[in-house]
C-alpha atoms as a PDB file:
ATOM      1  CA  MET A   1      -5.469 -13.156   7.322  1.00  0.00           C
ATOM      2  CA  MET A   2      -2.373 -11.506   6.254  1.00  0.00           C
ATOM      3  CA  ASP A   3       1.227 -13.186   6.109  1.00  0.00           C
ATOM      4  CA  PHE A   4       3.106 -10.217   7.829  1.00  0.00           C
ATOM      5  CA  SER A   5       6.638  -9.304   7.016  1.00  0.00           C
ATOM      6  CA  ASP A   6       9.322  -8.339   9.976  1.00  0.00           C
ATOM      7  CA  ASN A   7      10.596  -5.965   7.773  1.00  0.00           C
ATOM      8  CA  GLN A   8       8.190  -3.516   8.089  1.00  0.00           C
ATOM      9  CA  PRO A   9       5.148  -2.363  10.898  1.00  0.00           C
ATOM     10  CA  ILE A  10       2.165  -4.357  10.712  1.00  0.00           C
ATOM     11  CA  TYR A  11       0.275  -0.739  10.524  1.00  0.00           C
ATOM     12  CA  GLN A  12       2.262   0.034   7.202  1.00  0.00           C
ATOM     13  CA  GLN A  13       1.570  -3.292   5.643  1.00  0.00           C
ATOM     14  CA  ILE A  14      -2.144  -3.239   6.467  1.00  0.00           C
ATOM     15  CA  SER A  15      -1.803   0.827   4.591  1.00  0.00           C
ATOM     16  CA  ASP A  16      -0.239  -1.117   1.739  1.00  0.00           C
ATOM     17  CA  PHE A  17      -2.913  -3.509   1.622  1.00  0.00           C
ATOM     18  CA  ILE A  18      -5.468  -0.747   1.315  1.00  0.00           C
ATOM     19  CA  CYS A  19      -2.899   1.141  -1.276  1.00  0.00           C
ATOM     20  CA  ASN A  20      -2.888  -2.364  -3.366  1.00  0.00           C
ATOM     21  CA  GLN A  21      -6.733  -2.962  -3.378  1.00  0.00           C
ATOM     22  CA  ILE A  22      -7.016   0.597  -4.890  1.00  0.00           C
ATOM     23  CA  LEU A  23      -4.152   0.215  -7.484  1.00  0.00           C
ATOM     24  CA  ASP A  24      -5.639  -3.022  -8.525  1.00  0.00           C
ATOM     25  CA  LYS A  25      -9.005  -1.036  -8.805  1.00  0.00           C
ATOM     26  CA  LYS A  26     -10.747  -3.513  -6.645  1.00  0.00           C
ATOM     27  CA  TRP A  27     -11.867  -0.459  -4.021  1.00  0.00           C
ATOM     28  CA  GLN A  28     -12.733   2.698  -6.375  1.00  0.00           C
ATOM     29  CA  GLU A  29     -13.006   6.418  -5.251  1.00  0.00           C
ATOM     30  CA  GLY A  30     -16.209   6.543  -3.049  1.00  0.00           C
ATOM     31  CA  ASP A  31     -16.369   3.247  -2.149  1.00  0.00           C
ATOM     32  CA  ARG A  32     -16.939   2.506   1.550  1.00  0.00           C
ATOM     33  CA  VAL A  33     -14.111   1.186   2.936  1.00  0.00           C
ATOM     34  CA  PRO A  34     -14.228  -1.683   5.822  1.00  0.00           C
ATOM     35  CA  SER A  35     -14.183  -0.602   9.370  1.00  0.00           C
ATOM     36  CA  VAL A  36     -11.094  -0.158  11.639  1.00  0.00           C
ATOM     37  CA  ARG A  37     -12.753  -3.247  13.571  1.00  0.00           C
ATOM     38  CA  GLU A  38     -13.386  -5.230   9.863  1.00  0.00           C
ATOM     39  CA  ILE A  39     -10.498  -4.520   9.069  1.00  0.00           C
ATOM     40  CA  ALA A  40      -8.771  -5.790  12.490  1.00  0.00           C
ATOM     41  CA  VAL A  41     -10.191  -8.870  12.678  1.00  0.00           C
ATOM     42  CA  LEU A  42      -9.980  -9.902   9.083  1.00  0.00           C
ATOM     43  CA  MET A  43      -6.311  -9.235   9.563  1.00  0.00           C
ATOM     44  CA  GLU A  44      -6.023 -10.421  13.109  1.00  0.00           C
ATOM     45  CA  VAL A  45      -4.277  -7.653  14.402  1.00  0.00           C
ATOM     46  CA  ASN A  46      -5.065  -5.145  17.435  1.00  0.00           C
ATOM     47  CA  PRO A  47      -7.799  -2.335  16.155  1.00  0.00           C
ATOM     48  CA  ASN A  48      -5.345   0.097  17.485  1.00  0.00           C
ATOM     49  CA  THR A  49      -2.877  -1.183  14.770  1.00  0.00           C
ATOM     50  CA  ALA A  50      -5.604  -0.963  12.261  1.00  0.00           C
ATOM     51  CA  MET A  51      -6.359   2.585  13.189  1.00  0.00           C
ATOM     52  CA  ARG A  52      -2.987   3.597  12.799  1.00  0.00           C
ATOM     53  CA  ALA A  53      -2.747   2.281   9.593  1.00  0.00           C
ATOM     54  CA  PHE A  54      -6.096   4.045   8.679  1.00  0.00           C
ATOM     55  CA  GLN A  55      -4.911   7.521  10.260  1.00  0.00           C
ATOM     56  CA  ILE A  56      -1.748   7.246   7.675  1.00  0.00           C
ATOM     57  CA  LEU A  57      -4.261   6.719   4.892  1.00  0.00           C
ATOM     58  CA  GLN A  58      -6.112   9.583   6.118  1.00  0.00           C
ATOM     59  CA  ASP A  59      -2.557  12.142   6.203  1.00  0.00           C
ATOM     60  CA  GLU A  60      -1.807  10.730   2.587  1.00  0.00           C
ATOM     61  CA  GLY A  61      -5.238  12.052   1.532  1.00  0.00           C
ATOM     62  CA  ILE A  62      -6.058   8.447   0.542  1.00  0.00           C
ATOM     63  CA  VAL A  63      -9.367   7.927   2.697  1.00  0.00           C
ATOM     64  CA  ILE A  64     -11.307  10.023   4.501  1.00  0.00           C
ATOM     65  CA  ASN A  65     -13.531   9.598   7.628  1.00  0.00           C
ATOM     66  CA  LYS A  66     -17.579  10.808   7.565  1.00  0.00           C
ATOM     67  CA  ARG A  67     -18.544  10.557  11.360  1.00  0.00           C
ATOM     68  CA  GLY A  68     -20.598   8.171  12.141  1.00  0.00           C
ATOM     69  CA  VAL A  69     -20.676   6.868   8.329  1.00  0.00           C
ATOM     70  CA  GLY A  70     -17.458   5.062   8.158  1.00  0.00           C
ATOM     71  CA  HIS A  71     -14.210   5.578   6.238  1.00  0.00           C
ATOM     72  CA  PHE A  72     -14.278   5.801   2.516  1.00  0.00           C
ATOM     73  CA  ILE A  73     -11.582   5.980  -0.984  1.00  0.00           C
ATOM     74  CA  ALA A  74     -11.099   9.593  -1.286  1.00  0.00           C
ATOM     75  CA  ASP A  75     -11.421  11.315  -4.413  1.00  0.00           C
ATOM     76  CA  ASN A  76      -8.307  11.483  -6.528  1.00  0.00           C
ATOM     77  CA  ALA A  77      -6.781   8.372  -4.373  1.00  0.00           C
ATOM     78  CA  PHE A  78      -5.774   6.363  -7.141  1.00  0.00           C
ATOM     79  CA  ASN A  79      -3.271   9.060  -8.375  1.00  0.00           C
ATOM     80  CA  VAL A  80      -2.006   9.864  -4.862  1.00  0.00           C
ATOM     81  CA  VAL A  81      -1.525   5.849  -4.775  1.00  0.00           C
ATOM     82  CA  LEU A  82       0.184   5.739  -7.692  1.00  0.00           C
ATOM     83  CA  SER A  83       2.480   8.775  -7.525  1.00  0.00           C
ATOM     84  CA  MET A  84       3.089   7.832  -3.823  1.00  0.00           C
ATOM     85  CA  LYS A  85       3.967   3.940  -5.093  1.00  0.00           C
ATOM     86  CA  ARG A  86       5.687   5.065  -8.211  1.00  0.00           C
ATOM     87  CA  LYS A  87       8.485   7.148  -6.487  1.00  0.00           C
ATOM     88  CA  GLU A  88       8.611   4.372  -4.023  1.00  0.00           C
ATOM     89  CA  PHE A  89       9.380   1.931  -6.699  1.00  0.00           C
ATOM     90  CA  LEU A  90      11.873   4.132  -8.126  1.00  0.00           C
ATOM     91  CA  GLU A  91      13.745   5.129  -4.855  1.00  0.00           C
ATOM     92  CA  THR A  92      13.697   1.635  -3.146  1.00  0.00           C
ATOM     93  CA  ASP A  93      13.346  -1.446  -5.443  1.00  0.00           C
ATOM     94  CA  VAL A  94      14.773  -0.207  -8.826  1.00  0.00           C
ATOM     95  CA  PRO A  95      18.335   0.933  -6.753  1.00  0.00           C
ATOM     96  CA  ALA A  96      18.396  -2.643  -4.937  1.00  0.00           C
ATOM     97  CA  PHE A  97      17.359  -4.569  -8.608  1.00  0.00           C
ATOM     98  CA  VAL A  98      20.131  -2.530 -10.098  1.00  0.00           C
ATOM     99  CA  LYS A  99      22.595  -3.623  -6.921  1.00  0.00           C
ATOM    100  CA  SER A 100      21.574  -7.185  -7.593  1.00  0.00           C
ATOM    101  CA  MET A 101      21.963  -7.163 -11.343  1.00  0.00           C
ATOM    102  CA  LYS A 102      25.816  -5.832 -11.140  1.00  0.00           C
ATOM    103  CA  ARG A 103      26.357  -8.012  -8.022  1.00  0.00           C
ATOM    104  CA  LEU A 104      25.205 -11.255 -10.314  1.00  0.00           C
ATOM    105  CA  GLY A 105      27.017  -9.826 -13.313  1.00  0.00           C
ATOM    106  CA  TYR A 106      23.851  -9.158 -15.415  1.00  0.00           C
ATOM    107  CA  THR A 107      23.654  -6.322 -17.778  1.00  0.00           C
ATOM    108  CA  PHE A 108      20.733  -3.851 -18.989  1.00  0.00           C
ATOM    109  CA  ALA A 109      20.797  -5.935 -22.202  1.00  0.00           C
ATOM    110  CA  ASP A 110      20.626  -9.165 -20.517  1.00  0.00           C
ATOM    111  CA  ILE A 111      17.427  -7.928 -18.966  1.00  0.00           C
ATOM    112  CA  LYS A 112      16.004  -6.303 -22.054  1.00  0.00           C
ATOM    113  CA  GLU A 113      16.405  -9.782 -23.574  1.00  0.00           C
ATOM    114  CA  LEU A 114      13.916 -11.150 -21.171  1.00  0.00           C
ATOM    115  CA  ALA A 115      11.324  -8.631 -21.923  1.00  0.00           C
END
């Protein structure tokens, strides 16, 4: 079971989980993905919620549905997810990080020393 956050819809968190599996190379292009029902049971969510996550992933070209066979990681899914997550990181995480740095009085030189 996943520990869901209140900050984001559950279907989006499931989509993120699947994307992270791809980025971590646990699920490779061409691999069969657990079914909607299997994901729903694993995550302890309604199957409609899991289906919504799969629909988002299909719309983004990350998974494909082969009727009667199941969902599979699409060709080039790794690059699609990587591009999408890099953009999200730059638009969301970096600005929040910089804002916190400034609020706490850190400089980029301070951060560089940590690396």
